[in-house]
Amino acid sequence: MTTTSRIIVAVASVLLLGTFIQPIWKIGIEAPQYPEGMGIYIWINQITGENPGDLNTLNELNHYIGMKRIEPDSIPELQYMPYIIIGLTILGLLFSLIGKTPLIYLMVGLVMILAVVGIVDFYLWEYDYGHNLDPNAAIKMPGMSFQPPLIGGKQLMNIYALSLPWVGTWLMTISIFMYVYAILLNRKKKRVAAA
């Protein structure tokens, strides 16, 4: 691998740590009773309100329709995902030092697998959250689920929910493109050397 490719791989690996300083997902809520809107940010290791008190307010609203409370401490993914990200970062830095192109292919594969597994896991969490309602809830809507959208917007009674990947997800995406760019640079250098 070229020196430039190694540097790109190292920077791409460190970029994965951006998921600790920027949320990976945002779910925003708009409703007549909350015209200013509210929302939650999903981080690699926590869930926070967009504004102070948003998470508590959302939990109180959801209680009336029988949805479970969002309790970050009870979500196992928020406990082990930081270790996976740190592990991938260390692995990427190690691979940049070793400088073997097949290892960068492996890195691309690992980060992409993490992304796909993360999205599927998030969908399943949302499904459970929106479908497994408390039968003793104050408000019952037979046959209706309250699953937030995975990506995009959805009307849920008088509430509009908008779910989008956030800055942390884009940092991971940029990281993948940087790995691929390092591979392409290396291929180009080999072709030029072989000519």
C-alpha atoms as a PDB file:
ATOM      1  CA  MET A   1       0.000   0.000   0.000  1.00  0.00           C
ATOM      2  CA  THR A   2       1.161   3.524  -0.724  1.00  0.00           C
ATOM      3  CA  THR A   3       1.915   5.961   2.084  1.00  0.00           C
ATOM      4  CA  THR A   4      -1.074   8.062   1.012  1.00  0.00           C
ATOM      5  CA  SER A   5      -3.360   5.013   1.164  1.00  0.00           C
ATOM      6  CA  ARG A   6      -2.084   4.147   4.631  1.00  0.00           C
ATOM      7  CA  ILE A   7      -2.768   7.689   5.854  1.00  0.00           C
ATOM      8  CA  ILE A   8      -6.283   7.615   4.365  1.00  0.00           C
ATOM      9  CA  VAL A   9      -7.006   4.278   6.096  1.00  0.00           C
ATOM     10  CA  ALA A  10      -5.726   5.643   9.420  1.00  0.00           C
ATOM     11  CA  VAL A  11      -7.853   8.811   9.135  1.00  0.00           C
ATOM     12  CA  ALA A  12     -10.918   6.761   8.091  1.00  0.00           C
ATOM     13  CA  SER A  13     -10.437   4.561  11.151  1.00  0.00           C
ATOM     14  CA  VAL A  14     -10.162   7.495  13.539  1.00  0.00           C
ATOM     15  CA  LEU A  15     -13.260   9.014  11.883  1.00  0.00           C
ATOM     16  CA  LEU A  16     -15.289   6.091  13.252  1.00  0.00           C
ATOM     17  CA  LEU A  17     -14.769   7.591  16.715  1.00  0.00           C
ATOM     18  CA  GLY A  18     -16.937  10.508  15.578  1.00  0.00           C
ATOM     19  CA  THR A  19     -19.920   8.360  16.566  1.00  0.00           C
ATOM     20  CA  PHE A  20     -19.022   9.183  20.185  1.00  0.00           C
ATOM     21  CA  ILE A  21     -19.329  12.930  19.627  1.00  0.00           C
ATOM     22  CA  GLN A  22     -22.232  13.019  17.158  1.00  0.00           C
ATOM     23  CA  PRO A  23     -25.557  11.129  17.216  1.00  0.00           C
ATOM     24  CA  ILE A  24     -26.078   8.400  14.609  1.00  0.00           C
ATOM     25  CA  TRP A  25     -29.847   8.865  14.291  1.00  0.00           C
ATOM     26  CA  LYS A  26     -32.563  11.415  15.020  1.00  0.00           C
ATOM     27  CA  ILE A  27     -36.298  10.928  15.463  1.00  0.00           C
ATOM     28  CA  GLY A  28     -38.215  14.199  15.469  1.00  0.00           C
ATOM     29  CA  ILE A  29     -41.837  14.583  16.555  1.00  0.00           C
ATOM     30  CA  GLU A  30     -44.353  17.271  15.588  1.00  0.00           C
ATOM     31  CA  ALA A  31     -47.853  17.493  17.069  1.00  0.00           C
ATOM     32  CA  PRO A  32     -50.472  20.219  17.572  1.00  0.00           C
ATOM     33  CA  GLN A  33     -49.846  20.142  21.323  1.00  0.00           C
ATOM     34  CA  TYR A  34     -46.082  20.529  20.706  1.00  0.00           C
ATOM     35  CA  PRO A  35     -45.844  23.048  17.825  1.00  0.00           C
ATOM     36  CA  GLU A  36     -42.161  23.713  18.581  1.00  0.00           C
ATOM     37  CA  GLY A  37     -41.475  20.013  18.030  1.00  0.00           C
ATOM     38  CA  MET A  38     -39.329  17.651  20.013  1.00  0.00           C
ATOM     39  CA  GLY A  39     -37.112  14.709  19.333  1.00  0.00           C
ATOM     40  CA  ILE A  40     -34.518  12.235  20.417  1.00  0.00           C
ATOM     41  CA  TYR A  41     -30.973  11.600  19.321  1.00  0.00           C
ATOM     42  CA  ILE A  42     -29.653   8.059  19.240  1.00  0.00           C
ATOM     43  CA  TRP A  43     -25.940   7.902  19.891  1.00  0.00           C
ATOM     44  CA  ILE A  44     -23.600   4.931  19.805  1.00  0.00           C
ATOM     45  CA  ASN A  45     -23.778   4.802  23.621  1.00  0.00           C
ATOM     46  CA  GLN A  46     -26.802   6.818  24.756  1.00  0.00           C
ATOM     47  CA  ILE A  47     -30.199   8.270  23.859  1.00  0.00           C
ATOM     48  CA  THR A  48     -30.831  11.936  24.593  1.00  0.00           C
ATOM     49  CA  GLY A  49     -33.559  14.465  23.973  1.00  0.00           C
ATOM     50  CA  GLU A  50     -33.153  17.032  21.231  1.00  0.00           C
ATOM     51  CA  ASN A  51     -34.040  19.593  23.899  1.00  0.00           C
ATOM     52  CA  PRO A  52     -33.844  19.209  27.682  1.00  0.00           C
ATOM     53  CA  GLY A  53     -36.828  17.203  28.844  1.00  0.00           C
ATOM     54  CA  ASP A  54     -37.780  15.844  25.395  1.00  0.00           C
ATOM     55  CA  LEU A  55     -37.049  12.220  26.301  1.00  0.00           C
ATOM     56  CA  ASN A  56     -39.154  12.423  29.466  1.00  0.00           C
ATOM     57  CA  THR A  57     -42.008  14.186  27.656  1.00  0.00           C
ATOM     58  CA  LEU A  58     -41.952  11.576  24.897  1.00  0.00           C
ATOM     59  CA  ASN A  59     -41.991   8.772  27.458  1.00  0.00           C
ATOM     60  CA  GLU A  60     -45.004  10.357  29.187  1.00  0.00           C
ATOM     61  CA  LEU A  61     -46.896  10.719  25.887  1.00  0.00           C
ATOM     62  CA  ASN A  62     -46.096   7.145  24.879  1.00  0.00           C
ATOM     63  CA  HIS A  63     -47.293   5.861  28.247  1.00  0.00           C
ATOM     64  CA  TYR A  64     -50.869   6.856  27.360  1.00  0.00           C
ATOM     65  CA  ILE A  65     -50.913   4.631  24.279  1.00  0.00           C
ATOM     66  CA  GLY A  66     -49.109   1.752  25.982  1.00  0.00           C
ATOM     67  CA  MET A  67     -45.622   2.096  24.536  1.00  0.00           C
ATOM     68  CA  LYS A  68     -42.654   1.106  26.646  1.00  0.00           C
ATOM     69  CA  ARG A  69     -40.504   3.811  28.175  1.00  0.00           C
ATOM     70  CA  ILE A  70     -37.241   4.492  26.394  1.00  0.00           C
ATOM     71  CA  GLU A  71     -34.722   3.611  29.087  1.00  0.00           C
ATOM     72  CA  PRO A  72     -31.186   3.946  27.651  1.00  0.00           C
ATOM     73  CA  ASP A  73     -29.655   1.912  30.493  1.00  0.00           C
ATOM     74  CA  SER A  74     -31.813  -1.094  29.547  1.00  0.00           C
ATOM     75  CA  ILE A  75     -30.735  -1.147  25.875  1.00  0.00           C
ATOM     76  CA  PRO A  76     -27.815  -3.604  25.601  1.00  0.00           C
ATOM     77  CA  GLU A  77     -26.604  -2.252  22.251  1.00  0.00           C
ATOM     78  CA  LEU A  78     -25.734   1.051  23.920  1.00  0.00           C
ATOM     79  CA  GLN A  79     -23.475  -0.870  26.300  1.00  0.00           C
ATOM     80  CA  TYR A  80     -21.461  -2.911  23.785  1.00  0.00           C
ATOM     81  CA  MET A  81     -21.460  -0.745  20.638  1.00  0.00           C
ATOM     82  CA  PRO A  82     -18.750   1.581  21.989  1.00  0.00           C
ATOM     83  CA  TYR A  83     -16.415  -1.410  22.331  1.00  0.00           C
ATOM     84  CA  ILE A  84     -17.138  -2.495  18.750  1.00  0.00           C
ATOM     85  CA  ILE A  85     -16.387   0.995  17.408  1.00  0.00           C
ATOM     86  CA  ILE A  86     -13.171   1.250  19.443  1.00  0.00           C
ATOM     87  CA  GLY A  87     -12.190  -2.250  18.276  1.00  0.00           C
ATOM     88  CA  LEU A  88     -12.787  -1.344  14.623  1.00  0.00           C
ATOM     89  CA  THR A  89     -10.765   1.846  15.037  1.00  0.00           C
ATOM     90  CA  ILE A  90      -7.804  -0.036  16.522  1.00  0.00           C
ATOM     91  CA  LEU A  91      -8.092  -2.713  13.820  1.00  0.00           C
ATOM     92  CA  GLY A  92      -8.139  -0.060  11.074  1.00  0.00           C
ATOM     93  CA  LEU A  93      -5.071   1.661  12.518  1.00  0.00           C
ATOM     94  CA  LEU A  94      -3.281  -1.692  12.750  1.00  0.00           C
ATOM     95  CA  PHE A  95      -4.233  -2.502   9.135  1.00  0.00           C
ATOM     96  CA  SER A  96      -2.893   0.883   7.996  1.00  0.00           C
ATOM     97  CA  LEU A  97       0.442   0.029   9.624  1.00  0.00           C
ATOM     98  CA  ILE A  98       0.551  -3.457   8.079  1.00  0.00           C
ATOM     99  CA  GLY A  99      -0.328  -1.953   4.697  1.00  0.00           C
ATOM    100  CA  LYS A 100      -1.900  -4.977   2.984  1.00  0.00           C
ATOM    101  CA  THR A 101      -4.782  -4.197   0.611  1.00  0.00           C
ATOM    102  CA  PRO A 102      -6.788  -7.370   1.450  1.00  0.00           C
ATOM    103  CA  LEU A 103      -6.969  -6.144   5.042  1.00  0.00           C
ATOM    104  CA  ILE A 104      -8.617  -2.926   3.858  1.00  0.00           C
ATOM    105  CA  TYR A 105     -11.199  -4.988   1.957  1.00  0.00           C
ATOM    106  CA  LEU A 106     -11.819  -6.757   5.253  1.00  0.00           C
ATOM    107  CA  MET A 107     -12.187  -3.399   7.002  1.00  0.00           C
ATOM    108  CA  VAL A 108     -14.763  -2.228   4.444  1.00  0.00           C
ATOM    109  CA  GLY A 109     -16.662  -5.477   4.933  1.00  0.00           C
ATOM    110  CA  LEU A 110     -16.614  -5.225   8.725  1.00  0.00           C
ATOM    111  CA  VAL A 111     -17.873  -1.632   8.805  1.00  0.00           C
ATOM    112  CA  MET A 112     -20.584  -2.394   6.233  1.00  0.00           C
ATOM    113  CA  ILE A 113     -21.701  -5.486   8.165  1.00  0.00           C
ATOM    114  CA  LEU A 114     -21.867  -3.357  11.322  1.00  0.00           C
ATOM    115  CA  ALA A 115     -24.000  -0.784   9.473  1.00  0.00           C
ATOM    116  CA  VAL A 116     -26.431  -3.388   8.096  1.00  0.00           C
ATOM    117  CA  VAL A 117     -26.728  -5.240  11.419  1.00  0.00           C
ATOM    118  CA  GLY A 118     -27.232  -1.896  13.181  1.00  0.00           C
ATOM    119  CA  ILE A 119     -30.059  -0.853  10.846  1.00  0.00           C
ATOM    120  CA  VAL A 120     -31.795  -4.241  11.146  1.00  0.00           C
ATOM    121  CA  ASP A 121     -31.430  -4.137  14.939  1.00  0.00           C
ATOM    122  CA  PHE A 122     -32.824  -0.584  15.036  1.00  0.00           C
ATOM    123  CA  TYR A 123     -35.809  -1.637  12.900  1.00  0.00           C
ATOM    124  CA  LEU A 124     -36.538  -4.583  15.208  1.00  0.00           C
ATOM    125  CA  TRP A 125     -36.280  -2.308  18.249  1.00  0.00           C
ATOM    126  CA  GLU A 126     -38.712   0.152  16.641  1.00  0.00           C
ATOM    127  CA  TYR A 127     -41.055  -2.686  15.699  1.00  0.00           C
ATOM    128  CA  ASP A 128     -41.158  -3.985  19.273  1.00  0.00           C
ATOM    129  CA  TYR A 129     -41.529  -0.461  20.612  1.00  0.00           C
ATOM    130  CA  GLY A 130     -44.471   0.343  18.328  1.00  0.00           C
ATOM    131  CA  HIS A 131     -46.318  -3.003  18.299  1.00  0.00           C
ATOM    132  CA  ASN A 132     -45.995  -4.521  21.781  1.00  0.00           C
ATOM    133  CA  LEU A 133     -48.327  -2.132  23.560  1.00  0.00           C
ATOM    134  CA  ASP A 134     -49.626  -2.362  27.105  1.00  0.00           C
ATOM    135  CA  PRO A 135     -53.218  -3.687  26.880  1.00  0.00           C
ATOM    136  CA  ASN A 136     -54.101  -1.610  29.959  1.00  0.00           C
ATOM    137  CA  ALA A 137     -53.077   1.707  28.360  1.00  0.00           C
ATOM    138  CA  ALA A 138     -55.381   4.698  28.814  1.00  0.00           C
ATOM    139  CA  ILE A 139     -55.780   5.172  25.046  1.00  0.00           C
ATOM    140  CA  LYS A 140     -56.428   2.111  22.881  1.00  0.00           C
ATOM    141  CA  MET A 141     -56.494   2.134  19.083  1.00  0.00           C
ATOM    142  CA  PRO A 142     -57.347  -1.440  17.993  1.00  0.00           C
ATOM    143  CA  GLY A 143     -55.298  -2.624  15.050  1.00  0.00           C
ATOM    144  CA  MET A 144     -53.022   0.425  15.037  1.00  0.00           C
ATOM    145  CA  SER A 145     -49.286   0.254  15.608  1.00  0.00           C
ATOM    146  CA  PHE A 146     -47.144   3.188  16.630  1.00  0.00           C
ATOM    147  CA  GLN A 147     -43.848   2.086  15.106  1.00  0.00           C
ATOM    148  CA  PRO A 148     -41.774   5.116  14.127  1.00  0.00           C
ATOM    149  CA  PRO A 149     -40.457   5.055  10.554  1.00  0.00           C
ATOM    150  CA  LEU A 150     -36.993   3.623   9.984  1.00  0.00           C
ATOM    151  CA  ILE A 151     -36.156   6.382   7.503  1.00  0.00           C
ATOM    152  CA  GLY A 152     -38.477   9.183   6.488  1.00  0.00           C
ATOM    153  CA  GLY A 153     -41.747  10.498   7.835  1.00  0.00           C
ATOM    154  CA  LYS A 154     -44.920   8.878   9.117  1.00  0.00           C
ATOM    155  CA  GLN A 155     -48.211  10.185  10.494  1.00  0.00           C
ATOM    156  CA  LEU A 156     -49.186   8.461  13.767  1.00  0.00           C
ATOM    157  CA  MET A 157     -52.617   9.782  14.785  1.00  0.00           C
ATOM    158  CA  ASN A 158     -52.026  13.526  15.271  1.00  0.00           C
ATOM    159  CA  ILE A 159     -48.253  13.093  15.572  1.00  0.00           C
ATOM    160  CA  TYR A 160     -45.839  13.315  12.659  1.00  0.00           C
ATOM    161  CA  ALA A 161     -42.582  11.406  13.214  1.00  0.00           C
ATOM    162  CA  LEU A 162     -39.506  11.955  11.067  1.00  0.00           C
ATOM    163  CA  SER A 163     -36.594   9.516  11.381  1.00  0.00           C
ATOM    164  CA  LEU A 164     -33.252  10.224   9.704  1.00  0.00           C
ATOM    165  CA  PRO A 165     -29.629   9.112   9.866  1.00  0.00           C
ATOM    166  CA  TRP A 166     -27.646  11.794  11.650  1.00  0.00           C
ATOM    167  CA  VAL A 167     -24.061  13.092  11.640  1.00  0.00           C
ATOM    168  CA  GLY A 168     -22.498   9.974  13.215  1.00  0.00           C
ATOM    169  CA  THR A 169     -23.938   7.785  10.450  1.00  0.00           C
ATOM    170  CA  TRP A 170     -22.567  10.125   7.783  1.00  0.00           C
ATOM    171  CA  LEU A 171     -19.132   9.994   9.439  1.00  0.00           C
ATOM    172  CA  MET A 172     -19.230   6.189   9.225  1.00  0.00           C
ATOM    173  CA  THR A 173     -20.309   6.446   5.567  1.00  0.00           C
ATOM    174  CA  ILE A 174     -17.440   8.819   4.791  1.00  0.00           C
ATOM    175  CA  SER A 175     -15.121   6.371   6.527  1.00  0.00           C
ATOM    176  CA  ILE A 176     -16.256   3.534   4.222  1.00  0.00           C
ATOM    177  CA  PHE A 177     -15.726   5.721   1.136  1.00  0.00           C
ATOM    178  CA  MET A 178     -12.255   6.625   2.381  1.00  0.00           C
ATOM    179  CA  TYR A 179     -11.351   2.934   2.741  1.00  0.00           C
ATOM    180  CA  VAL A 180     -12.584   2.283  -0.792  1.00  0.00           C
ATOM    181  CA  TYR A 181     -10.664   5.308  -2.083  1.00  0.00           C
ATOM    182  CA  ALA A 182      -7.471   3.979  -0.447  1.00  0.00           C
ATOM    183  CA  ILE A 183      -8.000   0.637  -2.221  1.00  0.00           C
ATOM    184  CA  LEU A 184      -8.538   2.385  -5.579  1.00  0.00           C
ATOM    185  CA  LEU A 185      -5.428   4.522  -5.102  1.00  0.00           C
ATOM    186  CA  ASN A 186      -3.420   1.402  -4.410  1.00  0.00           C
ATOM    187  CA  ARG A 187      -4.795  -0.352  -7.517  1.00  0.00           C
ATOM    188  CA  LYS A 188      -3.982   2.670  -9.661  1.00  0.00           C
ATOM    189  CA  LYS A 189      -0.414   2.743  -8.346  1.00  0.00           C
ATOM    190  CA  LYS A 190      -0.020  -0.982  -9.148  1.00  0.00           C
ATOM    191  CA  ARG A 191      -1.355  -0.485 -12.696  1.00  0.00           C
ATOM    192  CA  VAL A 192       1.040   2.412 -13.285  1.00  0.00           C
ATOM    193  CA  ALA A 193       3.954   0.377 -11.911  1.00  0.00           C
ATOM    194  CA  ALA A 194       3.037  -2.598 -14.107  1.00  0.00           C
ATOM    195  CA  ALA A 195       2.772  -0.496 -17.286  1.00  0.00           C
END
